[in-house]
Amino acid sequence: MARMRVFMVFVLAISAGGALAYGTYNFVQKPPRTVSIPTRPVVVAAADLDIGAELRRDDIRIIDWPANAVPAGAIGDPKDVIGRSIVLPVIQNEPILPMKLASAEAGSGLPPAIPPGLRAVSVRVNEVIGVAGYVLPATRVDVLATVSPTGQNTDMTSKVILTNVQVLAAGTKIERDTDKGKPLAVSVVTLLVAPEEAERLTLASTEGKIQLALRNPLDKTMPETHGIRPAALFGFGAPTRTAVARSRVASASPSAPVVAAPPELPTVEIIRGDKRAHEVVRQEQ
């Protein structure tokens, strides 16, 4: 009888354990409930795109974007972007927005990225002039020119000629070496300037040397400098500001007569007993 009771308890325990294990297994293997949200197709960049790039089918892809978070003006049809040019840099997986595209009639390449009234001027640079590779499209720079107006080294002057200039493009082009006739890689930076600034930049790059100074894009100040020459750089010459200040003081009262101080005549001390006297020595005419 005791054996029968033990057997029944053992059977009940196995049955309860099996039922619990089966229920736990079914609960774990049950697929999670998914909640579907409405989406919209959005055209995004398949890779980083620079200014002037003409969009091809391989440069874009279509993703499903949540409909309640689609960027304003996002494009969903690839036909609306293929063949158009980029006017602002685009990074990978960024939506292609109309503000970063040239019009369909503007064509492709760099010209559509030039705003009306401005010009794109390219200058040859090296690693030093190009601020060690940190001059990239959409950055801002100041342009310094070093040139001698008279051709003399003593008159060599370095001055900021352009401030807060936008870099439109930066890259490398291949030129032919005139001496050896071999291909030569040349770094070129294209700046976005006004027509008058284009004249100054061209003259400075032709007559002297130019240097680019990278600046913070949030800095909108445009300081005016007087330039500097080698003599003032090493402290051999009088500062320009001091000379200007003196000329202003002299010209402030043009009617005041300038009286020259009389020259100081030599004197001789004569001692007579306990008395001393000073007499002026005059030169006979």
Foldseek 3Di string as FASTA:
>chain_A
DVVVVVVVVVVVVVVVVVVVVVVVVCVVPDDDDDDDAAWAKFKWFQAKDAFQDADAPVGIDIDTHGPVPDDPQTDRDPVLRHQWTFLHIGGHRHTDHPVRTFDNVPGTGHVSNADPQKDKDKDWDDCQQCVNPPQAAQFWKWKKFWAAPVPDQQRTWIATDGGGWGWHHWDWDWDADPPPRHIDIIIMIIIIGGPVVNVVVVVRRVRTDMGIGTDDNVDPDDDHDPIDGPCVVVVNDDDPVVVVVVVCVCVVCVPDDDDDDDDDFDWDWDDDPPDIDIDGDDDDD
